[in-house]
Amino acid sequence: MQLLVAVDTLAEDAFTGNPSSGAKLLLIPQHNLVLATRGSSQFFLRIYELALPASYRADFTMEQLTKELGLVIDQLWPRYECAATDAGLPKRNLGTELVLGGWSPKSERMVATAYAKTDSATPAVVQQLDGGMASPGEPLRGRPDSFASEDVLVAGRLQANCLNEQMGRQVAGGRLLTGFLQQGQAVIKDLGAI
């Protein structure tokens, strides 16, 4: 049983729009978990900042983190929204999509859950991800599922192109990073430019 999560590294300064490179995928290796994002990197880093020390608790379980993460996102979002508004960023540009995945000792398999949030008025959307390729906008529909590096890189390029076309500007690009997990192993690889 394996789990692969792929992200691009393109980031941009919210004020200037200047491009940079950022980690949108971080591990909690002692529990064989990965946390990844699309959207606000600042919000993602705050979530990771909370999840990492929680993972040191003796009673920590992936199932508990999975259950609580949507509630934590809802609690933090109003402060994030206010800070962004105070900084002059339009609310319509705010949004985050997070994926938490990894080995579940309780289920004895790899599991992943997606979380999405765009405003304070609506609770975070929480969705279990079950097998196969998943991607925003579904540009990978009909492609065979493959963990081969070359296939994942092609899929990453298709996804980045789709997102850039949808947004009318470059919002995805840079390099493609993958988090590859199986029971007892968590590896991050740089597959190349997309």
N, C-alpha and C. Protein backbone atom coordinates (compact mmCIF):
# COMPACT_ATOMS: atom_id res chain seq x y z
N MET A 1 0.86 -1.18 0.00
CA MET A 1 0.00 0.00 0.00
C MET A 1 0.90 1.23 0.00
N GLN A 2 0.64 2.16 -0.95
CA GLN A 2 1.47 3.35 -1.11
C GLN A 2 0.60 4.59 -1.24
N LEU A 3 1.20 5.73 -0.94
CA LEU A 3 0.54 7.03 -1.11
C LEU A 3 1.55 7.97 -1.74
N LEU A 4 1.13 8.68 -2.76
CA LEU A 4 1.98 9.67 -3.40
C LEU A 4 1.22 10.98 -3.47
N VAL A 5 1.83 12.06 -2.98
CA VAL A 5 1.26 13.41 -3.06
C VAL A 5 2.27 14.26 -3.80
N ALA A 6 1.82 14.95 -4.85
CA ALA A 6 2.71 15.80 -5.65
C ALA A 6 2.27 17.25 -5.57
N VAL A 7 3.24 18.16 -5.46
CA VAL A 7 2.97 19.60 -5.40
C VAL A 7 4.00 20.35 -6.23
N ASP A 8 3.60 21.51 -6.71
CA ASP A 8 4.57 22.39 -7.37
C ASP A 8 5.22 23.27 -6.31
N THR A 9 6.23 24.01 -6.69
CA THR A 9 6.94 24.86 -5.72
C THR A 9 6.76 26.35 -5.98
N LEU A 10 5.97 26.73 -7.00
CA LEU A 10 5.80 28.15 -7.30
C LEU A 10 5.06 28.85 -6.16
N ALA A 11 5.66 29.89 -5.67
CA ALA A 11 5.03 30.73 -4.65
C ALA A 11 5.17 32.17 -5.12
N GLU A 12 4.35 33.04 -4.57
CA GLU A 12 4.48 34.45 -4.92
C GLU A 12 4.21 35.30 -3.71
N ASP A 13 4.86 36.44 -3.66
CA ASP A 13 4.65 37.41 -2.60
C ASP A 13 3.26 38.00 -2.78
N ALA A 14 2.44 37.97 -1.74
CA ALA A 14 1.06 38.43 -1.84
C ALA A 14 0.95 39.92 -2.17
N PHE A 15 1.95 40.70 -1.80
CA PHE A 15 1.89 42.15 -2.04
C PHE A 15 2.48 42.53 -3.39
N THR A 16 3.63 41.97 -3.72
CA THR A 16 4.32 42.39 -4.95
C THR A 16 4.04 41.48 -6.13
N GLY A 17 3.62 40.24 -5.86
CA GLY A 17 3.42 39.28 -6.93
C GLY A 17 4.71 38.66 -7.42
N ASN A 18 5.84 39.02 -6.79
CA ASN A 18 7.13 38.45 -7.19
C ASN A 18 7.16 36.95 -6.92
N PRO A 19 7.61 36.17 -7.91
CA PRO A 19 7.66 34.72 -7.72
C PRO A 19 8.81 34.29 -6.83
N SER A 20 8.59 33.18 -6.16
CA SER A 20 9.64 32.55 -5.35
C SER A 20 9.35 31.05 -5.34
N SER A 21 10.05 30.35 -4.50
CA SER A 21 9.89 28.90 -4.42
C SER A 21 9.55 28.54 -2.98
N GLY A 22 8.57 27.65 -2.80
CA GLY A 22 8.17 27.29 -1.45
C GLY A 22 7.82 25.83 -1.30
N ALA A 23 8.03 25.32 -0.10
CA ALA A 23 7.67 23.93 0.23
C ALA A 23 6.17 23.89 0.50
N LYS A 24 5.44 23.18 -0.33
CA LYS A 24 4.00 23.03 -0.16
C LYS A 24 3.67 21.63 0.32
N LEU A 25 4.69 20.93 0.79
CA LEU A 25 4.55 19.56 1.24
C LEU A 25 5.55 19.34 2.37
N LEU A 26 5.05 18.96 3.53
CA LEU A 26 5.91 18.73 4.69
C LEU A 26 5.52 17.42 5.36
N LEU A 27 6.51 16.77 5.95
CA LEU A 27 6.30 15.46 6.57
C LEU A 27 6.16 15.56 8.08
N ILE A 28 5.43 14.61 8.63
CA ILE A 28 5.46 14.29 10.05
C ILE A 28 5.97 12.85 10.08
N PRO A 29 7.30 12.70 9.92
CA PRO A 29 7.86 11.37 9.62
C PRO A 29 7.69 10.33 10.71
N GLN A 30 7.67 10.73 11.99
CA GLN A 30 7.56 9.72 13.04
C GLN A 30 6.20 9.02 13.02
N HIS A 31 5.22 9.60 12.31
CA HIS A 31 3.90 8.97 12.18
C HIS A 31 3.59 8.61 10.73
N ASN A 32 4.61 8.74 9.85
CA ASN A 32 4.47 8.37 8.44
C ASN A 32 3.32 9.15 7.79
N LEU A 33 3.31 10.49 8.01
CA LEU A 33 2.26 11.36 7.50
C LEU A 33 2.85 12.47 6.63
N VAL A 34 2.02 12.96 5.71
CA VAL A 34 2.38 14.10 4.88
C VAL A 34 1.25 15.11 4.95
N LEU A 35 1.61 16.38 4.98
CA LEU A 35 0.64 17.48 4.91
C LEU A 35 1.05 18.33 3.72
N ALA A 36 0.11 18.56 2.81
CA ALA A 36 0.41 19.31 1.58
C ALA A 36 -0.66 20.37 1.37
N THR A 37 -0.35 21.36 0.52
CA THR A 37 -1.29 22.45 0.29
C THR A 37 -1.31 22.94 -1.14
N ARG A 38 -2.38 23.59 -1.46
CA ARG A 38 -2.53 24.45 -2.63
C ARG A 38 -3.27 25.67 -2.11
N GLY A 39 -2.74 26.84 -2.36
CA GLY A 39 -3.36 28.06 -1.84
C GLY A 39 -2.38 28.77 -0.94
N SER A 40 -2.89 29.35 0.13
CA SER A 40 -2.09 30.18 1.02
C SER A 40 -0.99 29.39 1.72
N SER A 41 0.24 29.75 1.44
CA SER A 41 1.35 29.07 2.12
C SER A 41 1.44 29.52 3.58
N GLN A 42 1.07 30.76 3.88
CA GLN A 42 1.11 31.23 5.27
C GLN A 42 0.13 30.44 6.13
N PHE A 43 -1.06 30.19 5.61
CA PHE A 43 -2.04 29.42 6.35
C PHE A 43 -1.57 27.98 6.53
N PHE A 44 -1.01 27.40 5.47
CA PHE A 44 -0.47 26.05 5.51
C PHE A 44 0.61 25.93 6.58
N LEU A 45 1.52 26.89 6.63
CA LEU A 45 2.60 26.84 7.61
C LEU A 45 2.06 26.95 9.04
N ARG A 46 1.00 27.72 9.22
CA ARG A 46 0.40 27.83 10.55
C ARG A 46 -0.23 26.49 10.97
N ILE A 47 -0.90 25.83 10.03
CA ILE A 47 -1.49 24.52 10.33
C ILE A 47 -0.38 23.51 10.67
N TYR A 48 0.68 23.51 9.89
CA TYR A 48 1.80 22.59 10.15
C TYR A 48 2.44 22.91 11.51
N GLU A 49 2.55 24.20 11.80
CA GLU A 49 3.12 24.64 13.08
C GLU A 49 2.31 24.10 14.26
N LEU A 50 1.03 23.91 14.08
CA LEU A 50 0.19 23.34 15.14
C LEU A 50 0.21 21.81 15.13
N ALA A 51 0.24 21.23 13.95
CA ALA A 51 0.19 19.77 13.83
C ALA A 51 1.48 19.11 14.32
N LEU A 52 2.62 19.74 14.05
CA LEU A 52 3.89 19.12 14.42
C LEU A 52 4.04 18.90 15.92
N PRO A 53 3.83 19.93 16.77
CA PRO A 53 3.95 19.64 18.21
C PRO A 53 2.86 18.68 18.71
N ALA A 54 1.67 18.72 18.10
CA ALA A 54 0.62 17.77 18.50
C ALA A 54 1.08 16.34 18.24
N SER A 55 1.90 16.16 17.19
CA SER A 55 2.36 14.82 16.84
C SER A 55 3.32 14.23 17.87
N TYR A 56 3.81 15.05 18.80
CA TYR A 56 4.70 14.58 19.86
C TYR A 56 3.94 14.02 21.06
N ARG A 57 2.62 14.25 21.09
CA ARG A 57 1.84 13.75 22.22
C ARG A 57 1.86 12.22 22.24
N ALA A 58 1.89 11.65 23.43
CA ALA A 58 1.89 10.19 23.56
C ALA A 58 0.62 9.57 23.00
N ASP A 59 -0.49 10.30 23.07
CA ASP A 59 -1.77 9.76 22.60
C ASP A 59 -2.11 10.19 21.17
N PHE A 60 -1.13 10.72 20.43
CA PHE A 60 -1.37 11.19 19.06
C PHE A 60 -1.76 10.03 18.16
N THR A 61 -2.79 10.28 17.33
CA THR A 61 -3.15 9.33 16.28
C THR A 61 -3.49 10.11 15.02
N MET A 62 -3.26 9.49 13.89
CA MET A 62 -3.63 10.12 12.62
C MET A 62 -5.13 10.35 12.58
N GLU A 63 -5.90 9.40 13.08
CA GLU A 63 -7.35 9.52 13.05
C GLU A 63 -7.83 10.74 13.83
N GLN A 64 -7.20 11.02 14.96
CA GLN A 64 -7.59 12.18 15.76
C GLN A 64 -7.23 13.47 15.02
N LEU A 65 -6.04 13.53 14.43
CA LEU A 65 -5.64 14.71 13.67
C LEU A 65 -6.57 14.91 12.48
N THR A 66 -6.91 13.84 11.78
CA THR A 66 -7.82 13.91 10.64
C THR A 66 -9.16 14.49 11.06
N LYS A 67 -9.66 14.04 12.20
CA LYS A 67 -10.96 14.49 12.71
C LYS A 67 -10.91 15.95 13.14
N GLU A 68 -9.83 16.38 13.78
CA GLU A 68 -9.74 17.73 14.34
C GLU A 68 -9.31 18.79 13.33
N LEU A 69 -8.67 18.39 12.25
CA LEU A 69 -8.07 19.37 11.34
C LEU A 69 -9.11 20.31 10.73
N GLY A 70 -10.26 19.81 10.31
CA GLY A 70 -11.30 20.68 9.77
C GLY A 70 -11.76 21.72 10.77
N LEU A 71 -11.90 21.31 12.05
CA LEU A 71 -12.30 22.25 13.11
C LEU A 71 -11.23 23.30 13.35
N VAL A 72 -9.98 22.90 13.33
CA VAL A 72 -8.87 23.84 13.52
C VAL A 72 -8.83 24.85 12.37
N ILE A 73 -9.03 24.37 11.15
CA ILE A 73 -9.06 25.27 9.99
C ILE A 73 -10.16 26.31 10.18
N ASP A 74 -11.35 25.87 10.59
CA ASP A 74 -12.46 26.79 10.80
C ASP A 74 -12.17 27.80 11.91
N GLN A 75 -11.47 27.38 12.97
CA GLN A 75 -11.14 28.29 14.07
C GLN A 75 -10.10 29.32 13.67
N LEU A 76 -9.12 28.92 12.86
CA LEU A 76 -8.04 29.83 12.47
C LEU A 76 -8.42 30.77 11.33
N TRP A 77 -9.35 30.36 10.50
CA TRP A 77 -9.65 31.11 9.28
C TRP A 77 -10.06 32.56 9.52
N PRO A 78 -10.94 32.86 10.48
CA PRO A 78 -11.32 34.28 10.67
C PRO A 78 -10.11 35.18 10.96
N ARG A 79 -9.16 34.71 11.73
CA ARG A 79 -7.95 35.51 12.02
C ARG A 79 -7.11 35.70 10.76
N TYR A 80 -7.01 34.64 9.97
CA TYR A 80 -6.27 34.73 8.71
C TYR A 80 -6.96 35.71 7.76
N GLU A 81 -8.28 35.61 7.69
CA GLU A 81 -9.06 36.50 6.83
C GLU A 81 -8.89 37.96 7.25
N CYS A 82 -8.95 38.23 8.55
CA CYS A 82 -8.77 39.61 9.07
C CYS A 82 -7.37 40.12 8.77
N ALA A 83 -6.36 39.29 8.99
CA ALA A 83 -4.98 39.72 8.73
C ALA A 83 -4.78 40.02 7.25
N ALA A 84 -5.36 39.21 6.39
CA ALA A 84 -5.24 39.43 4.95
C ALA A 84 -5.96 40.71 4.54
N THR A 85 -7.15 40.94 5.10
CA THR A 85 -7.90 42.16 4.80
C THR A 85 -7.14 43.39 5.28
N ASP A 86 -6.59 43.31 6.50
CA ASP A 86 -5.79 44.42 7.04
C ASP A 86 -4.58 44.72 6.16
N ALA A 87 -4.06 43.69 5.50
CA ALA A 87 -2.90 43.85 4.63
C ALA A 87 -3.29 44.33 3.23
N GLY A 88 -4.62 44.48 3.01
CA GLY A 88 -5.07 44.99 1.73
C GLY A 88 -5.30 43.94 0.65
N LEU A 89 -5.34 42.67 1.06
CA LEU A 89 -5.59 41.60 0.09
C LEU A 89 -7.08 41.37 -0.05
N PRO A 90 -7.58 41.24 -1.27
CA PRO A 90 -9.02 41.00 -1.45
C PRO A 90 -9.43 39.61 -0.96
N LYS A 91 -10.58 39.55 -0.28
CA LYS A 91 -11.07 38.27 0.24
C LYS A 91 -11.27 37.23 -0.85
N ARG A 92 -11.63 37.68 -2.05
CA ARG A 92 -11.89 36.72 -3.14
C ARG A 92 -10.63 35.93 -3.53
N ASN A 93 -9.45 36.45 -3.16
CA ASN A 93 -8.20 35.76 -3.48
C ASN A 93 -7.79 34.76 -2.40
N LEU A 94 -8.53 34.70 -1.31
CA LEU A 94 -8.15 33.82 -0.20
C LEU A 94 -8.74 32.43 -0.41
N GLY A 95 -7.96 31.46 -0.09
CA GLY A 95 -8.43 30.08 -0.17
C GLY A 95 -7.29 29.13 0.11
N THR A 96 -7.65 27.97 0.60
CA THR A 96 -6.65 26.94 0.84
C THR A 96 -7.25 25.57 0.59
N GLU A 97 -6.42 24.69 0.12
CA GLU A 97 -6.75 23.28 0.01
C GLU A 97 -5.59 22.54 0.66
N LEU A 98 -5.92 21.68 1.61
CA LEU A 98 -4.91 20.90 2.32
C LEU A 98 -5.20 19.42 2.13
N VAL A 99 -4.16 18.63 2.14
CA VAL A 99 -4.29 17.17 2.13
C VAL A 99 -3.44 16.63 3.27
N LEU A 100 -4.05 15.79 4.07
CA LEU A 100 -3.35 15.06 5.12
C LEU A 100 -3.45 13.59 4.75
N GLY A 101 -2.31 12.93 4.65
CA GLY A 101 -2.34 11.53 4.28
C GLY A 101 -1.20 10.76 4.90
N GLY A 102 -1.38 9.46 4.94
CA GLY A 102 -0.32 8.60 5.45
C GLY A 102 -0.86 7.28 5.97
N TRP A 103 0.00 6.60 6.70
CA TRP A 103 -0.32 5.28 7.21
C TRP A 103 -1.24 5.39 8.42
N SER A 104 -2.36 4.67 8.36
CA SER A 104 -3.30 4.62 9.47
C SER A 104 -3.16 3.26 10.16
N PRO A 105 -2.57 3.22 11.36
CA PRO A 105 -2.47 1.95 12.08
C PRO A 105 -3.85 1.34 12.36
N LYS A 106 -4.84 2.20 12.61
CA LYS A 106 -6.18 1.70 12.91
C LYS A 106 -6.80 1.02 11.70
N SER A 107 -6.66 1.63 10.52
CA SER A 107 -7.23 1.06 9.29
C SER A 107 -6.29 0.06 8.61
N GLU A 108 -5.02 0.06 9.04
CA GLU A 108 -3.98 -0.79 8.46
C GLU A 108 -3.83 -0.58 6.96
N ARG A 109 -3.86 0.69 6.56
CA ARG A 109 -3.68 1.05 5.15
C ARG A 109 -3.37 2.55 5.07
N MET A 110 -2.99 2.99 3.88
CA MET A 110 -2.79 4.41 3.63
C MET A 110 -4.15 5.08 3.47
N VAL A 111 -4.31 6.22 4.09
CA VAL A 111 -5.54 7.01 3.94
C VAL A 111 -5.16 8.47 3.72
N ALA A 112 -6.06 9.20 3.09
CA ALA A 112 -5.84 10.64 2.88
C ALA A 112 -7.17 11.37 2.95
N THR A 113 -7.10 12.60 3.44
CA THR A 113 -8.28 13.45 3.55
C THR A 113 -7.93 14.83 3.01
N ALA A 114 -8.86 15.40 2.24
CA ALA A 114 -8.68 16.75 1.69
C ALA A 114 -9.57 17.72 2.45
N TYR A 115 -9.05 18.93 2.63
CA TYR A 115 -9.77 20.00 3.32
C TYR A 115 -9.71 21.24 2.43
N ALA A 116 -10.83 21.95 2.31
CA ALA A 116 -10.85 23.18 1.51
C ALA A 116 -11.58 24.27 2.29
N LYS A 117 -11.07 25.49 2.18
CA LYS A 117 -11.66 26.63 2.90
C LYS A 117 -11.49 27.88 2.07
N THR A 118 -12.58 28.67 1.94
CA THR A 118 -12.49 29.93 1.20
C THR A 118 -13.06 31.12 1.95
N ASP A 119 -13.91 30.89 2.96
CA ASP A 119 -14.45 32.03 3.71
C ASP A 119 -14.91 31.59 5.09
N SER A 120 -15.11 32.58 5.97
CA SER A 120 -15.49 32.30 7.36
C SER A 120 -16.93 31.83 7.50
N ALA A 121 -17.78 32.18 6.55
CA ALA A 121 -19.20 31.87 6.66
C ALA A 121 -19.51 30.40 6.40
N THR A 122 -18.60 29.69 5.77
CA THR A 122 -18.84 28.30 5.40
C THR A 122 -17.83 27.39 6.09
N PRO A 123 -18.29 26.29 6.68
CA PRO A 123 -17.33 25.36 7.28
C PRO A 123 -16.40 24.76 6.23
N ALA A 124 -15.24 24.34 6.68
CA ALA A 124 -14.29 23.69 5.78
C ALA A 124 -14.94 22.46 5.16
N VAL A 125 -14.67 22.27 3.88
CA VAL A 125 -15.15 21.08 3.19
C VAL A 125 -14.12 19.97 3.45
N VAL A 126 -14.59 18.85 3.97
CA VAL A 126 -13.72 17.72 4.31
C VAL A 126 -14.14 16.53 3.46
N GLN A 127 -13.16 15.94 2.77
CA GLN A 127 -13.48 14.83 1.87
C GLN A 127 -12.41 13.75 1.96
N GLN A 128 -12.85 12.52 2.20
CA GLN A 128 -11.94 11.37 2.16
C GLN A 128 -11.51 11.14 0.72
N LEU A 129 -10.24 10.85 0.51
CA LEU A 129 -9.72 10.54 -0.82
C LEU A 129 -9.48 9.03 -0.86
N ASP A 130 -10.08 8.39 -1.83
CA ASP A 130 -9.97 6.93 -1.92
C ASP A 130 -9.40 6.51 -3.26
N GLY A 131 -8.16 6.05 -3.25
CA GLY A 131 -7.53 5.43 -4.40
C GLY A 131 -7.51 6.24 -5.68
N GLY A 132 -6.61 5.92 -6.54
CA GLY A 132 -6.53 6.55 -7.85
C GLY A 132 -6.01 7.96 -7.81
N MET A 133 -5.92 8.56 -8.97
CA MET A 133 -5.43 9.93 -9.10
C MET A 133 -6.54 10.91 -8.75
N ALA A 134 -6.17 11.95 -8.04
CA ALA A 134 -7.10 13.03 -7.72
C ALA A 134 -6.38 14.34 -7.99
N SER A 135 -7.08 15.26 -8.62
CA SER A 135 -6.48 16.56 -8.88
C SER A 135 -7.57 17.59 -9.07
N PRO A 136 -7.31 18.84 -8.65
CA PRO A 136 -8.29 19.90 -8.86
C PRO A 136 -8.54 20.09 -10.36
N GLY A 137 -9.80 20.20 -10.74
CA GLY A 137 -10.13 20.44 -12.13
C GLY A 137 -10.15 19.20 -12.98
N GLU A 138 -9.69 18.08 -12.46
CA GLU A 138 -9.71 16.79 -13.14
C GLU A 138 -9.02 16.73 -14.50
N PRO A 139 -7.89 17.39 -14.72
CA PRO A 139 -7.20 17.25 -16.01
C PRO A 139 -6.57 15.87 -16.19
N LEU A 140 -6.55 15.09 -15.11
CA LEU A 140 -5.93 13.76 -15.19
C LEU A 140 -6.96 12.65 -15.39
N ARG A 141 -8.22 13.03 -15.55
CA ARG A 141 -9.27 12.03 -15.75
C ARG A 141 -8.94 11.19 -16.98
N GLY A 142 -9.04 9.88 -16.83
CA GLY A 142 -8.78 8.97 -17.93
C GLY A 142 -7.33 8.53 -18.05
N ARG A 143 -6.42 9.16 -17.32
CA ARG A 143 -5.02 8.75 -17.36
C ARG A 143 -4.84 7.54 -16.44
N PRO A 144 -3.96 6.63 -16.83
CA PRO A 144 -3.72 5.48 -15.94
C PRO A 144 -3.00 5.94 -14.66
N ASP A 145 -3.36 5.32 -13.54
CA ASP A 145 -2.68 5.61 -12.29
C ASP A 145 -1.29 5.01 -12.34
N SER A 146 -0.28 5.82 -12.05
CA SER A 146 1.09 5.33 -12.08
C SER A 146 1.94 6.14 -11.12
N PHE A 147 2.77 5.45 -10.35
CA PHE A 147 3.71 6.13 -9.46
C PHE A 147 5.08 6.26 -10.10
N ALA A 148 5.24 5.87 -11.35
CA ALA A 148 6.52 6.03 -12.03
C ALA A 148 6.83 7.52 -12.13
N SER A 149 8.07 7.89 -11.81
CA SER A 149 8.46 9.30 -11.76
C SER A 149 8.13 10.04 -13.05
N GLU A 150 8.38 9.41 -14.20
CA GLU A 150 8.12 10.07 -15.49
C GLU A 150 6.63 10.36 -15.65
N ASP A 151 5.79 9.41 -15.27
CA ASP A 151 4.34 9.59 -15.38
C ASP A 151 3.83 10.66 -14.42
N VAL A 152 4.37 10.68 -13.22
CA VAL A 152 3.96 11.69 -12.24
C VAL A 152 4.38 13.08 -12.71
N LEU A 153 5.55 13.21 -13.31
CA LEU A 153 6.01 14.49 -13.83
C LEU A 153 5.10 14.98 -14.96
N VAL A 154 4.73 14.08 -15.87
CA VAL A 154 3.80 14.45 -16.95
C VAL A 154 2.46 14.90 -16.36
N ALA A 155 1.95 14.15 -15.38
CA ALA A 155 0.69 14.52 -14.73
C ALA A 155 0.81 15.87 -14.04
N GLY A 156 1.94 16.13 -13.40
CA GLY A 156 2.16 17.43 -12.75
C GLY A 156 2.15 18.57 -13.74
N ARG A 157 2.75 18.35 -14.89
CA ARG A 157 2.75 19.39 -15.94
C ARG A 157 1.34 19.64 -16.46
N LEU A 158 0.57 18.57 -16.68
CA LEU A 158 -0.82 18.72 -17.12
C LEU A 158 -1.64 19.50 -16.09
N GLN A 159 -1.47 19.16 -14.82
CA GLN A 159 -2.20 19.84 -13.75
C GLN A 159 -1.81 21.31 -13.68
N ALA A 160 -0.52 21.61 -13.75
CA ALA A 160 -0.07 23.01 -13.69
C ALA A 160 -0.63 23.81 -14.87
N ASN A 161 -0.57 23.24 -16.06
CA ASN A 161 -1.11 23.93 -17.24
C ASN A 161 -2.61 24.19 -17.09
N CYS A 162 -3.34 23.22 -16.59
CA CYS A 162 -4.78 23.37 -16.39
C CYS A 162 -5.08 24.50 -15.41
N LEU A 163 -4.38 24.51 -14.28
CA LEU A 163 -4.61 25.56 -13.27
C LEU A 163 -4.25 26.94 -13.82
N ASN A 164 -3.14 27.02 -14.54
CA ASN A 164 -2.74 28.31 -15.11
C ASN A 164 -3.76 28.82 -16.11
N GLU A 165 -4.30 27.93 -16.94
CA GLU A 165 -5.34 28.32 -17.90
C GLU A 165 -6.61 28.76 -17.19
N GLN A 166 -7.01 28.03 -16.15
CA GLN A 166 -8.22 28.38 -15.40
C GLN A 166 -8.10 29.76 -14.76
N MET A 167 -6.93 30.07 -14.24
CA MET A 167 -6.73 31.33 -13.51
C MET A 167 -6.35 32.49 -14.44
N GLY A 168 -5.95 32.18 -15.66
CA GLY A 168 -5.56 33.23 -16.59
C GLY A 168 -4.21 33.85 -16.28
N ARG A 169 -3.43 33.19 -15.47
CA ARG A 169 -2.08 33.64 -15.12
C ARG A 169 -1.33 32.46 -14.51
N GLN A 170 -0.03 32.62 -14.33
CA GLN A 170 0.74 31.51 -13.78
C GLN A 170 0.57 31.44 -12.27
N VAL A 171 -0.09 30.40 -11.82
CA VAL A 171 -0.27 30.14 -10.39
C VAL A 171 0.38 28.83 -9.98
N ALA A 172 0.81 28.03 -10.95
CA ALA A 172 1.47 26.76 -10.67
C ALA A 172 2.70 26.65 -11.56
N GLY A 173 3.75 26.10 -11.01
CA GLY A 173 4.98 25.94 -11.77
C GLY A 173 6.15 25.67 -10.85
N GLY A 174 7.31 26.01 -11.33
CA GLY A 174 8.52 25.73 -10.56
C GLY A 174 8.93 24.28 -10.75
N ARG A 175 9.13 23.59 -9.64
CA ARG A 175 9.54 22.19 -9.66
C ARG A 175 8.42 21.33 -9.09
N LEU A 176 8.45 20.05 -9.40
CA LEU A 176 7.46 19.12 -8.87
C LEU A 176 8.08 18.30 -7.76
N LEU A 177 7.55 18.45 -6.56
CA LEU A 177 7.98 17.66 -5.41
C LEU A 177 6.95 16.59 -5.13
N THR A 178 7.40 15.41 -4.75
CA THR A 178 6.49 14.35 -4.36
C THR A 178 6.82 13.86 -2.96
N GLY A 179 5.78 13.58 -2.24
CA GLY A 179 5.90 12.88 -0.97
C GLY A 179 5.43 11.47 -1.23
N PHE A 180 6.31 10.50 -1.07
CA PHE A 180 5.99 9.11 -1.32
C PHE A 180 6.02 8.39 0.03
N LEU A 181 4.88 7.80 0.40
CA LEU A 181 4.78 7.12 1.68
C LEU A 181 4.32 5.68 1.49
N GLN A 182 4.91 4.80 2.27
CA GLN A 182 4.41 3.45 2.45
C GLN A 182 4.70 3.10 3.90
N GLN A 183 4.15 2.02 4.38
CA GLN A 183 4.33 1.70 5.79
C GLN A 183 5.82 1.67 6.12
N GLY A 184 6.22 2.50 7.08
CA GLY A 184 7.61 2.54 7.52
C GLY A 184 8.53 3.38 6.66
N GLN A 185 8.01 4.13 5.70
CA GLN A 185 8.88 4.92 4.84
C GLN A 185 8.17 6.20 4.40
N ALA A 186 8.88 7.32 4.49
CA ALA A 186 8.38 8.60 4.00
C ALA A 186 9.53 9.30 3.29
N VAL A 187 9.37 9.57 1.99
CA VAL A 187 10.45 10.13 1.18
C VAL A 187 9.91 11.31 0.38
N ILE A 188 10.71 12.37 0.30
CA ILE A 188 10.38 13.50 -0.57
C ILE A 188 11.37 13.50 -1.71
N LYS A 189 10.85 13.60 -2.95
CA LYS A 189 11.68 13.63 -4.14
C LYS A 189 11.37 14.87 -4.96
N ASP A 190 12.41 15.42 -5.59
CA ASP A 190 12.27 16.50 -6.58
C ASP A 190 12.31 15.83 -7.94
N LEU A 191 11.18 15.84 -8.66
CA LEU A 191 11.09 15.15 -9.96
C LEU A 191 11.54 16.02 -11.12
N GLY A 192 11.68 17.34 -10.92
CA GLY A 192 12.14 18.20 -11.99
C GLY A 192 11.22 19.38 -12.23
N ALA A 193 11.60 20.18 -13.23
CA ALA A 193 10.85 21.39 -13.58
C ALA A 193 9.53 21.02 -14.25
N ILE A 194 8.50 21.84 -13.94
CA ILE A 194 7.20 21.64 -14.62
C ILE A 194 6.84 22.88 -15.41
